[in-house]
Protein backbone atom coordinates (compact mmCIF):
# COMPACT_ATOMS: atom_id res chain seq x y z
CA UNK A 1 0.00 0.00 0.00
CA UNK A 2 2.75 2.45 1.04
CA UNK A 3 6.53 2.45 1.14
CA UNK A 4 8.34 3.09 4.41
CA UNK A 5 11.97 4.10 4.00
CA UNK A 6 14.44 4.00 6.88
CA UNK A 7 17.66 5.80 6.01
CA UNK A 8 20.59 4.24 7.88
CA UNK A 9 18.62 2.87 10.84
CA UNK A 10 20.73 2.18 13.91
CA UNK A 11 18.59 0.32 16.46
CA UNK A 12 17.44 -3.22 15.58
CA UNK A 13 14.26 -3.31 17.72
CA UNK A 14 13.00 -0.11 16.08
CA UNK A 15 13.42 -1.62 12.64
CA UNK A 16 11.77 -4.86 13.79
CA UNK A 17 8.77 -2.90 15.07
CA UNK A 18 8.58 -0.89 11.85
CA UNK A 19 8.62 -4.18 9.94
CA UNK A 20 5.54 -5.32 11.86
CA UNK A 21 3.83 -2.00 11.08
CA UNK A 22 4.59 -2.51 7.39
CA UNK A 23 3.23 -6.04 7.44
CA UNK A 24 0.06 -4.88 9.24
CA UNK A 25 -0.58 -2.24 6.57
CA UNK A 26 0.53 -4.15 3.48
CA UNK A 27 3.43 -1.75 3.03
CA UNK A 28 6.99 -2.32 1.85
CA UNK A 29 9.95 -1.60 4.13
CA UNK A 30 12.98 -0.11 2.38
CA UNK A 31 16.26 -0.02 4.33
CA UNK A 32 19.02 2.30 3.14
CA UNK A 33 22.56 1.18 4.02
CA UNK A 34 24.65 1.38 6.02
CA UNK A 35 22.56 -0.33 8.67
CA UNK A 36 23.63 -0.17 12.30
CA UNK A 37 23.00 -3.91 12.64
CA UNK A 38 22.75 -7.14 10.69
CA UNK A 39 19.44 -8.31 9.25
CA UNK A 40 20.17 -11.52 11.14
CA UNK A 41 20.27 -9.61 14.45
CA UNK A 42 18.44 -11.39 17.25
CA UNK A 43 16.93 -8.15 18.61
CA UNK A 44 15.61 -7.23 15.16
CA UNK A 45 13.88 -10.57 14.78
CA UNK A 46 12.63 -10.50 18.37
CA UNK A 47 10.94 -7.12 17.81
CA UNK A 48 9.53 -8.39 14.52
CA UNK A 49 8.34 -11.52 16.31
CA UNK A 50 7.53 -14.43 14.06
CA UNK A 51 6.34 -11.99 11.38
CA UNK A 52 9.76 -10.82 10.25
CA UNK A 53 10.03 -13.43 7.48
CA UNK A 54 6.71 -12.22 6.03
CA UNK A 55 7.71 -8.54 5.84
CA UNK A 56 8.46 -7.21 2.35
CA UNK A 57 11.94 -5.84 3.12
CA UNK A 58 14.22 -4.41 0.48
CA UNK A 59 17.73 -3.10 1.09
CA UNK A 60 19.47 -0.42 -0.93
CA UNK A 61 23.05 0.81 -1.01
CA UNK A 62 21.90 4.43 -1.23
CA UNK A 63 18.79 6.58 -1.34
CA UNK A 64 19.58 7.38 -4.97
CA UNK A 65 19.57 3.66 -5.81
CA UNK A 66 16.07 3.37 -4.33
CA UNK A 67 14.82 6.36 -6.33
CA UNK A 68 16.34 5.05 -9.58
CA UNK A 69 14.60 1.70 -9.06
CA UNK A 70 11.20 3.41 -8.66
CA UNK A 71 11.01 6.23 -11.20
CA UNK A 72 7.66 8.00 -11.11
CA UNK A 73 6.12 5.43 -8.74
CA UNK A 74 4.88 7.52 -5.85
CA UNK A 75 5.83 10.72 -4.14
CA UNK A 76 8.44 11.01 -1.43
CA UNK A 77 7.68 12.66 1.92
CA UNK A 78 10.58 13.36 4.26
CA UNK A 79 9.84 13.33 7.99
CA UNK A 80 11.81 15.85 10.00
CA UNK A 81 11.45 18.00 13.08
CA UNK A 82 12.71 20.90 10.95
CA UNK A 83 9.62 21.23 8.73
CA UNK A 84 6.71 23.59 9.22
CA UNK A 85 4.09 21.49 7.40
CA UNK A 86 2.35 18.81 9.47
CA UNK A 87 2.01 15.25 8.17
CA UNK A 88 -1.77 15.44 8.67
CA UNK A 89 -1.95 18.29 6.13
CA UNK A 90 -0.74 15.96 3.37
CA UNK A 91 -3.14 14.02 1.13
CA UNK A 92 -1.31 10.71 0.85
CA UNK A 93 -1.71 8.42 -2.16
CA UNK A 94 -1.23 4.68 -2.47
CA UNK A 95 2.42 4.01 -3.30
CA UNK A 96 3.85 7.11 -1.63
CA UNK A 97 7.23 6.81 0.09
CA UNK A 98 7.46 7.90 3.73
CA UNK A 99 11.12 8.59 4.47
CA UNK A 100 12.53 8.56 8.01
CA UNK A 101 16.09 9.17 9.19
CA UNK A 102 18.46 7.69 11.72
CA UNK A 103 17.40 7.57 15.34
CA UNK A 104 20.26 9.82 16.49
CA UNK A 105 20.56 12.33 13.63
CA UNK A 106 17.45 12.21 11.47
CA UNK A 107 17.71 12.68 7.72
CA UNK A 108 20.85 14.21 6.17
CA UNK A 109 20.62 17.99 5.68
CA UNK A 110 21.43 17.83 1.93
CA UNK A 111 18.53 15.39 1.40
CA UNK A 112 16.15 17.68 3.30
CA UNK A 113 17.36 20.77 1.43
CA UNK A 114 16.92 19.06 -1.95
CA UNK A 115 13.37 18.03 -1.04
CA UNK A 116 12.22 21.00 1.04
CA UNK A 117 8.74 21.10 -0.53
CA UNK A 118 8.08 17.52 0.56
CA UNK A 119 9.33 17.78 4.14
CA UNK A 120 6.71 17.23 6.84
CA UNK A 121 6.72 16.99 10.61
CA UNK A 122 4.78 15.46 13.48
CA UNK A 123 3.77 18.43 15.66
CA UNK A 124 4.75 17.89 19.29
CA UNK A 125 5.33 19.78 22.53
CA UNK A 126 7.79 19.12 25.30
CA UNK A 127 10.11 16.81 23.35
CA UNK A 128 12.26 17.23 20.26
CA UNK A 129 11.48 13.85 18.75
CA UNK A 130 9.61 10.56 19.03
CA UNK A 131 10.89 7.00 18.93
CA UNK A 132 11.39 6.01 15.29
CA UNK A 133 8.81 3.19 15.32
CA UNK A 134 6.28 5.48 17.00
CA UNK A 135 6.84 8.19 14.39
CA UNK A 136 6.40 5.68 11.57
CA UNK A 137 3.18 4.39 13.16
CA UNK A 138 1.71 7.89 13.47
CA UNK A 139 2.34 8.83 9.84
CA UNK A 140 1.76 5.43 8.24
CA UNK A 141 -1.60 4.88 9.90
CA UNK A 142 -2.74 8.38 8.91
CA UNK A 143 -1.84 7.54 5.31
CA UNK A 144 -3.73 4.23 5.58
CA UNK A 145 -6.74 6.01 7.14
CA UNK A 146 -6.83 8.50 4.28
CA UNK A 147 -6.56 5.72 1.70
CA UNK A 148 -9.45 3.78 3.24
CA UNK A 149 -11.63 6.91 3.22
CA UNK A 150 -10.70 7.55 -0.40
CA UNK A 151 -11.53 3.98 -1.41
CA UNK A 152 -14.89 4.13 0.38
CA UNK A 153 -15.77 7.37 -1.41
CA UNK A 154 -15.57 9.53 1.72
CA UNK A 155 -12.95 12.27 1.66
């Protein structure tokens, strides 16, 4: 349904949890190297429970490699605390790519600058960021909610 992109994820349990979210929504998980762990990591598989083998996971050597493999197949939205536009102000479409950065540093500044018009944020008070899996859940399930309304003829 959607594409979740984790750019250089560092913490295996976060990626395992995001994998379960992708499976639950029929979405594809794209992992951009370098990864901070092995895909055979015990913590990754533990967080993904017995579902990990069913997750549609694709790994890429770079963000550019991912984009070249999917020309014109969905828009890219870059999640960052540095954007002014809220994720809930976006009208998501089936096949869109939701791009999230590393747990400790977020997305690289050059990537954000090159895609400024497609940067969105999760509005929050009292904290500068959310756990990566939580952030993915918030945005992904909003996109799924919008898609279900669209398919039922209610928008």
